[in-house]
Amino acid sequence: YSRYEPQVAQGLTEMFVAGVSTHKVG
C-alpha cells in the first residue's frame, strides 16, 4: 500500500514540517 520509498516519504514530510508550501513540495 505504499506509493513512495520511505526515504522519499520522509523527505516530503520534512519539507512540510519546515514550512514549505504544498505547491513547492510538489
PDB file of all heavy atoms in Angstrom:
ATOM      1  N   TYR A   1       0.809  -1.226   0.000  1.00  0.00           N
ATOM      2  CA  TYR A   1       0.000   0.000   0.000  1.00  0.00           C
ATOM      3  C   TYR A   1       0.845   1.280   0.000  1.00  0.00           C
ATOM      4  O   TYR A   1       0.298   2.376   0.074  1.00  0.00           O
ATOM      5  CB  TYR A   1      -0.977   0.041   1.178  1.00  0.00           C
ATOM      6  CG  TYR A   1      -1.849  -1.180   1.272  1.00  0.00           C
ATOM      7  CD1 TYR A   1      -1.786  -2.013   2.370  1.00  0.00           C
ATOM      8  CD2 TYR A   1      -2.738  -1.513   0.240  1.00  0.00           C
ATOM      9  CE1 TYR A   1      -2.591  -3.152   2.457  1.00  0.00           C
ATOM     10  CE2 TYR A   1      -3.540  -2.641   0.313  1.00  0.00           C
ATOM     11  CZ  TYR A   1      -3.461  -3.453   1.426  1.00  0.00           C
ATOM     12  OH  TYR A   1      -4.241  -4.563   1.505  1.00  0.00           O
ATOM     13  N   SER A   2       2.154   1.171  -0.040  1.00  0.00           N
ATOM     14  CA  SER A   2       2.992   2.365  -0.094  1.00  0.00           C
ATOM     15  C   SER A   2       3.167   2.802  -1.541  1.00  0.00           C
ATOM     16  O   SER A   2       3.202   1.978  -2.445  1.00  0.00           O
ATOM     17  CB  SER A   2       4.366   2.092   0.532  1.00  0.00           C
ATOM     18  OG  SER A   2       4.246   1.815   1.902  1.00  0.00           O
ATOM     19  N   ARG A   3       3.304   4.113  -1.734  1.00  0.00           N
ATOM     20  CA  ARG A   3       3.476   4.647  -3.083  1.00  0.00           C
ATOM     21  C   ARG A   3       4.861   5.267  -3.275  1.00  0.00           C
ATOM     22  O   ARG A   3       5.242   5.614  -4.376  1.00  0.00           O
ATOM     23  CB  ARG A   3       2.398   5.696  -3.373  1.00  0.00           C
ATOM     24  CG  ARG A   3       0.979   5.136  -3.284  1.00  0.00           C
ATOM     25  CD  ARG A   3      -0.053   6.195  -3.649  1.00  0.00           C
ATOM     26  NE  ARG A   3       0.079   6.626  -5.032  1.00  0.00           N
ATOM     27  CZ  ARG A   3      -0.465   6.003  -6.070  1.00  0.00           C
ATOM     28  NH1 ARG A   3      -1.162   4.894  -5.875  1.00  0.00           N
ATOM     29  NH2 ARG A   3      -0.303   6.452  -7.294  1.00  0.00           N
ATOM     30  N   TYR A   4       5.580   5.453  -2.171  1.00  0.00           N
ATOM     31  CA  TYR A   4       6.910   6.040  -2.263  1.00  0.00           C
ATOM     32  C   TYR A   4       7.869   5.249  -1.387  1.00  0.00           C
ATOM     33  O   TYR A   4       7.475   4.648  -0.381  1.00  0.00           O
ATOM     34  CB  TYR A   4       6.901   7.507  -1.781  1.00  0.00           C
ATOM     35  CG  TYR A   4       5.985   8.397  -2.553  1.00  0.00           C
ATOM     36  CD1 TYR A   4       4.727   8.723  -2.049  1.00  0.00           C
ATOM     37  CD2 TYR A   4       6.361   8.930  -3.781  1.00  0.00           C
ATOM     38  CE1 TYR A   4       3.870   9.545  -2.763  1.00  0.00           C
ATOM     39  CE2 TYR A   4       5.516   9.744  -4.494  1.00  0.00           C
ATOM     40  CZ  TYR A   4       4.271  10.051  -3.984  1.00  0.00           C
ATOM     41  OH  TYR A   4       3.434  10.864  -4.688  1.00  0.00           O
ATOM     42  N   GLU A   5       9.146   5.290  -1.743  1.00  0.00           N
ATOM     43  CA  GLU A   5      10.147   4.714  -0.867  1.00  0.00           C
ATOM     44  C   GLU A   5      10.152   5.491   0.457  1.00  0.00           C
ATOM     45  O   GLU A   5       9.854   6.699   0.477  1.00  0.00           O
ATOM     46  CB  GLU A   5      11.524   4.791  -1.516  1.00  0.00           C
ATOM     47  CG  GLU A   5      11.700   3.874  -2.718  1.00  0.00           C
ATOM     48  CD  GLU A   5      13.111   3.915  -3.264  1.00  0.00           C
ATOM     49  OE1 GLU A   5      13.884   4.799  -2.823  1.00  0.00           O
ATOM     50  OE2 GLU A   5      13.449   3.068  -4.110  1.00  0.00           O
ATOM     51  N   PRO A   6      10.509   4.824   1.568  1.00  0.00           N
ATOM     52  CA  PRO A   6      10.486   5.508   2.875  1.00  0.00           C
ATOM     53  C   PRO A   6      11.314   6.784   2.889  1.00  0.00           C
ATOM     54  O   PRO A   6      10.909   7.774   3.495  1.00  0.00           O
ATOM     55  CB  PRO A   6      11.074   4.448   3.823  1.00  0.00           C
ATOM     56  CG  PRO A   6      10.772   3.140   3.161  1.00  0.00           C
ATOM     57  CD  PRO A   6      10.864   3.394   1.690  1.00  0.00           C
ATOM     58  N   GLN A   7      12.475   6.776   2.194  1.00  0.00           N
ATOM     59  CA  GLN A   7      13.321   7.968   2.198  1.00  0.00           C
ATOM     60  C   GLN A   7      12.634   9.138   1.505  1.00  0.00           C
ATOM     61  O   GLN A   7      12.762  10.292   1.918  1.00  0.00           O
ATOM     62  CB  GLN A   7      14.661   7.672   1.507  1.00  0.00           C
ATOM     63  CG  GLN A   7      15.526   6.645   2.225  1.00  0.00           C
ATOM     64  CD  GLN A   7      15.219   5.223   1.784  1.00  0.00           C
ATOM     65  OE1 GLN A   7      14.137   4.960   1.242  1.00  0.00           O
ATOM     66  NE2 GLN A   7      16.161   4.315   2.003  1.00  0.00           N
ATOM     67  N   VAL A   8      11.885   8.831   0.433  1.00  0.00           N
ATOM     68  CA  VAL A   8      11.162   9.890  -0.284  1.00  0.00           C
ATOM     69  C   VAL A   8      10.046  10.444   0.584  1.00  0.00           C
ATOM     70  O   VAL A   8       9.859  11.660   0.704  1.00  0.00           O
ATOM     71  CB  VAL A   8      10.591   9.351  -1.614  1.00  0.00           C
ATOM     72  CG1 VAL A   8       9.713  10.406  -2.284  1.00  0.00           C
ATOM     73  CG2 VAL A   8      11.722   8.932  -2.537  1.00  0.00           C
ATOM     74  N   ALA A   9       9.273   9.537   1.223  1.00  0.00           N
ATOM     75  CA  ALA A   9       8.180   9.972   2.091  1.00  0.00           C
ATOM     76  C   ALA A   9       8.703  10.824   3.238  1.00  0.00           C
ATOM     77  O   ALA A   9       8.116  11.858   3.590  1.00  0.00           O
ATOM     78  CB  ALA A   9       7.429   8.752   2.627  1.00  0.00           C
ATOM     79  N   GLN A  10       9.833  10.415   3.822  1.00  0.00           N
ATOM     80  CA  GLN A  10      10.410  11.176   4.913  1.00  0.00           C
ATOM     81  C   GLN A  10      10.854  12.561   4.439  1.00  0.00           C
ATOM     82  O   GLN A  10      10.651  13.563   5.135  1.00  0.00           O
ATOM     83  CB  GLN A  10      11.604  10.430   5.514  1.00  0.00           C
ATOM     84  CG  GLN A  10      12.244  11.164   6.699  1.00  0.00           C
ATOM     85  CD  GLN A  10      13.405  10.396   7.286  1.00  0.00           C
ATOM     86  OE1 GLN A  10      13.696   9.274   6.870  1.00  0.00           O
ATOM     87  NE2 GLN A  10      14.084  10.986   8.253  1.00  0.00           N
ATOM     88  N   GLY A  11      11.446  12.621   3.251  1.00  0.00           N
ATOM     89  CA  GLY A  11      11.873  13.903   2.710  1.00  0.00           C
ATOM     90  C   GLY A  11      10.709  14.847   2.481  1.00  0.00           C
ATOM     91  O   GLY A  11      10.792  16.046   2.776  1.00  0.00           O
ATOM     92  N   LEU A  12       9.589  14.315   1.967  1.00  0.00           N
ATOM     93  CA  LEU A  12       8.411  15.140   1.737  1.00  0.00           C
ATOM     94  C   LEU A  12       7.833  15.668   3.040  1.00  0.00           C
ATOM     95  O   LEU A  12       7.475  16.843   3.148  1.00  0.00           O
ATOM     96  CB  LEU A  12       7.354  14.333   0.973  1.00  0.00           C
ATOM     97  CG  LEU A  12       7.715  13.920  -0.461  1.00  0.00           C
ATOM     98  CD1 LEU A  12       6.620  13.047  -1.058  1.00  0.00           C
ATOM     99  CD2 LEU A  12       7.953  15.139  -1.337  1.00  0.00           C
ATOM    100  N   THR A  13       7.735  14.800   4.050  1.00  0.00           N
ATOM    101  CA  THR A  13       7.177  15.249   5.334  1.00  0.00           C
ATOM    102  C   THR A  13       8.088  16.274   5.996  1.00  0.00           C
ATOM    103  O   THR A  13       7.607  17.230   6.616  1.00  0.00           O
ATOM    104  CB  THR A  13       6.960  14.062   6.283  1.00  0.00           C
ATOM    105  OG1 THR A  13       8.191  13.347   6.457  1.00  0.00           O
ATOM    106  CG2 THR A  13       5.912  13.117   5.752  1.00  0.00           C
ATOM    107  N   GLU A  14       9.409  16.116   5.872  1.00  0.00           N
ATOM    108  CA  GLU A  14      10.324  17.091   6.464  1.00  0.00           C
ATOM    109  C   GLU A  14      10.184  18.453   5.798  1.00  0.00           C
ATOM    110  O   GLU A  14      10.333  19.492   6.445  1.00  0.00           O
ATOM    111  CB  GLU A  14      11.767  16.588   6.368  1.00  0.00           C
ATOM    112  CG  GLU A  14      12.068  15.439   7.316  1.00  0.00           C
ATOM    113  CD  GLU A  14      13.500  14.955   7.213  1.00  0.00           C
ATOM    114  OE1 GLU A  14      14.239  15.478   6.344  1.00  0.00           O
ATOM    115  OE2 GLU A  14      13.877  14.070   7.997  1.00  0.00           O
ATOM    116  N   MET A  15       9.876  18.459   4.502  1.00  0.00           N
ATOM    117  CA  MET A  15       9.647  19.733   3.822  1.00  0.00           C
ATOM    118  C   MET A  15       8.384  20.405   4.357  1.00  0.00           C
ATOM    119  O   MET A  15       8.349  21.622   4.553  1.00  0.00           O
ATOM    120  CB  MET A  15       9.536  19.518   2.311  1.00  0.00           C
ATOM    121  CG  MET A  15      10.890  19.341   1.617  1.00  0.00           C
ATOM    122  SD  MET A  15      10.776  19.413  -0.193  1.00  0.00           S
ATOM    123  CE  MET A  15      10.117  17.799  -0.549  1.00  0.00           C
ATOM    124  N   PHE A  16       7.328  19.605   4.612  1.00  0.00           N
ATOM    125  CA  PHE A  16       6.107  20.178   5.174  1.00  0.00           C
ATOM    126  C   PHE A  16       6.368  20.764   6.555  1.00  0.00           C
ATOM    127  O   PHE A  16       5.916  21.863   6.888  1.00  0.00           O
ATOM    128  CB  PHE A  16       5.002  19.117   5.261  1.00  0.00           C
ATOM    129  CG  PHE A  16       4.392  18.773   3.931  1.00  0.00           C
ATOM    130  CD1 PHE A  16       4.453  17.483   3.437  1.00  0.00           C
ATOM    131  CD2 PHE A  16       3.747  19.736   3.161  1.00  0.00           C
ATOM    132  CE1 PHE A  16       3.901  17.158   2.214  1.00  0.00           C
ATOM    133  CE2 PHE A  16       3.191  19.422   1.941  1.00  0.00           C
ATOM    134  CZ  PHE A  16       3.272  18.130   1.457  1.00  0.00           C
ATOM    135  N   VAL A  17       7.120  20.020   7.401  1.00  0.00           N
ATOM    136  CA  VAL A  17       7.442  20.497   8.743  1.00  0.00           C
ATOM    137  C   VAL A  17       8.241  21.784   8.684  1.00  0.00           C
ATOM    138  O   VAL A  17       8.076  22.680   9.509  1.00  0.00           O
ATOM    139  CB  VAL A  17       8.218  19.418   9.528  1.00  0.00           C
ATOM    140  CG1 VAL A  17       8.731  19.975  10.852  1.00  0.00           C
ATOM    141  CG2 VAL A  17       7.330  18.207   9.776  1.00  0.00           C
ATOM    142  N   ALA A  18       9.119  21.893   7.683  1.00  0.00           N
ATOM    143  CA  ALA A  18       9.950  23.087   7.535  1.00  0.00           C
ATOM    144  C   ALA A  18       9.171  24.288   7.018  1.00  0.00           C
ATOM    145  O   ALA A  18       9.712  25.378   6.926  1.00  0.00           O
ATOM    146  CB  ALA A  18      11.119  22.795   6.598  1.00  0.00           C
ATOM    147  N   GLY A  19       7.894  24.083   6.675  1.00  0.00           N
ATOM    148  CA  GLY A  19       7.070  25.201   6.247  1.00  0.00           C
ATOM    149  C   GLY A  19       7.017  25.421   4.753  1.00  0.00           C
ATOM    150  O   GLY A  19       6.509  26.439   4.290  1.00  0.00           O
ATOM    151  N   VAL A  20       7.534  24.474   3.979  1.00  0.00           N
ATOM    152  CA  VAL A  20       7.473  24.585   2.515  1.00  0.00           C
ATOM    153  C   VAL A  20       6.034  24.360   2.074  1.00  0.00           C
ATOM    154  O   VAL A  20       5.359  23.453   2.554  1.00  0.00           O
ATOM    155  CB  VAL A  20       8.405  23.551   1.846  1.00  0.00           C
ATOM    156  CG1 VAL A  20       8.337  23.667   0.333  1.00  0.00           C
ATOM    157  CG2 VAL A  20       9.831  23.746   2.332  1.00  0.00           C
ATOM    158  N   SER A  21       5.547  25.196   1.165  1.00  0.00           N
ATOM    159  CA  SER A  21       4.159  25.090   0.716  1.00  0.00           C
ATOM    160  C   SER A  21       3.927  23.800  -0.055  1.00  0.00           C
ATOM    161  O   SER A  21       4.865  23.200  -0.606  1.00  0.00           O
ATOM    162  CB  SER A  21       3.794  26.287  -0.164  1.00  0.00           C
ATOM    163  OG  SER A  21       4.508  26.227  -1.392  1.00  0.00           O
ATOM    164  N   THR A  22       2.661  23.361  -0.105  1.00  0.00           N
ATOM    165  CA  THR A  22       2.302  22.157  -0.845  1.00  0.00           C
ATOM    166  C   THR A  22       2.728  22.271  -2.305  1.00  0.00           C
ATOM    167  O   THR A  22       3.222  21.308  -2.905  1.00  0.00           O
ATOM    168  CB  THR A  22       0.785  21.916  -0.766  1.00  0.00           C
ATOM    169  OG1 THR A  22       0.410  21.812   0.608  1.00  0.00           O
ATOM    170  CG2 THR A  22       0.386  20.648  -1.490  1.00  0.00           C
ATOM    171  N   HIS A  23       2.563  23.452  -2.877  1.00  0.00           N
ATOM    172  CA  HIS A  23       2.934  23.675  -4.273  1.00  0.00           C
ATOM    173  C   HIS A  23       4.429  23.472  -4.475  1.00  0.00           C
ATOM    174  O   HIS A  23       4.856  22.806  -5.435  1.00  0.00           O
ATOM    175  CB  HIS A  23       2.522  25.083  -4.694  1.00  0.00           C
ATOM    176  CG  HIS A  23       2.886  25.422  -6.114  1.00  0.00           C
ATOM    177  ND1 HIS A  23       2.263  24.841  -7.202  1.00  0.00           N
ATOM    178  CD2 HIS A  23       3.821  26.280  -6.615  1.00  0.00           C
ATOM    179  CE1 HIS A  23       2.788  25.320  -8.312  1.00  0.00           C
ATOM    180  NE2 HIS A  23       3.736  26.196  -7.989  1.00  0.00           N
ATOM    181  N   LYS A  24       5.240  24.024  -3.568  1.00  0.00           N
ATOM    182  CA  LYS A  24       6.695  23.891  -3.691  1.00  0.00           C
ATOM    183  C   LYS A  24       7.124  22.440  -3.512  1.00  0.00           C
ATOM    184  O   LYS A  24       8.020  21.952  -4.204  1.00  0.00           O
ATOM    185  CB  LYS A  24       7.391  24.769  -2.644  1.00  0.00           C
ATOM    186  CG  LYS A  24       7.271  26.268  -2.894  1.00  0.00           C
ATOM    187  CD  LYS A  24       8.079  26.684  -4.120  1.00  0.00           C
ATOM    188  CE  LYS A  24       8.055  28.198  -4.290  1.00  0.00           C
ATOM    189  NZ  LYS A  24       8.794  28.631  -5.501  1.00  0.00           N
ATOM    190  N   VAL A  25       6.481  21.743  -2.551  1.00  0.00           N
ATOM    191  CA  VAL A  25       6.801  20.330  -2.348  1.00  0.00           C
ATOM    192  C   VAL A  25       6.509  19.544  -3.622  1.00  0.00           C
ATOM    193  O   VAL A  25       7.285  18.674  -4.036  1.00  0.00           O
ATOM    194  CB  VAL A  25       5.999  19.749  -1.167  1.00  0.00           C
ATOM    195  CG1 VAL A  25       6.158  18.226  -1.093  1.00  0.00           C
ATOM    196  CG2 VAL A  25       6.464  20.375   0.145  1.00  0.00           C
ATOM    197  N   GLY A  26       5.370  19.849  -4.251  1.00  0.00           N
ATOM    198  CA  GLY A  26       5.018  19.179  -5.500  1.00  0.00           C
ATOM    199  C   GLY A  26       6.032  19.432  -6.591  1.00  0.00           C
ATOM    200  O   GLY A  26       6.393  18.525  -7.352  1.00  0.00           O
TER     201      GLY A  26
END
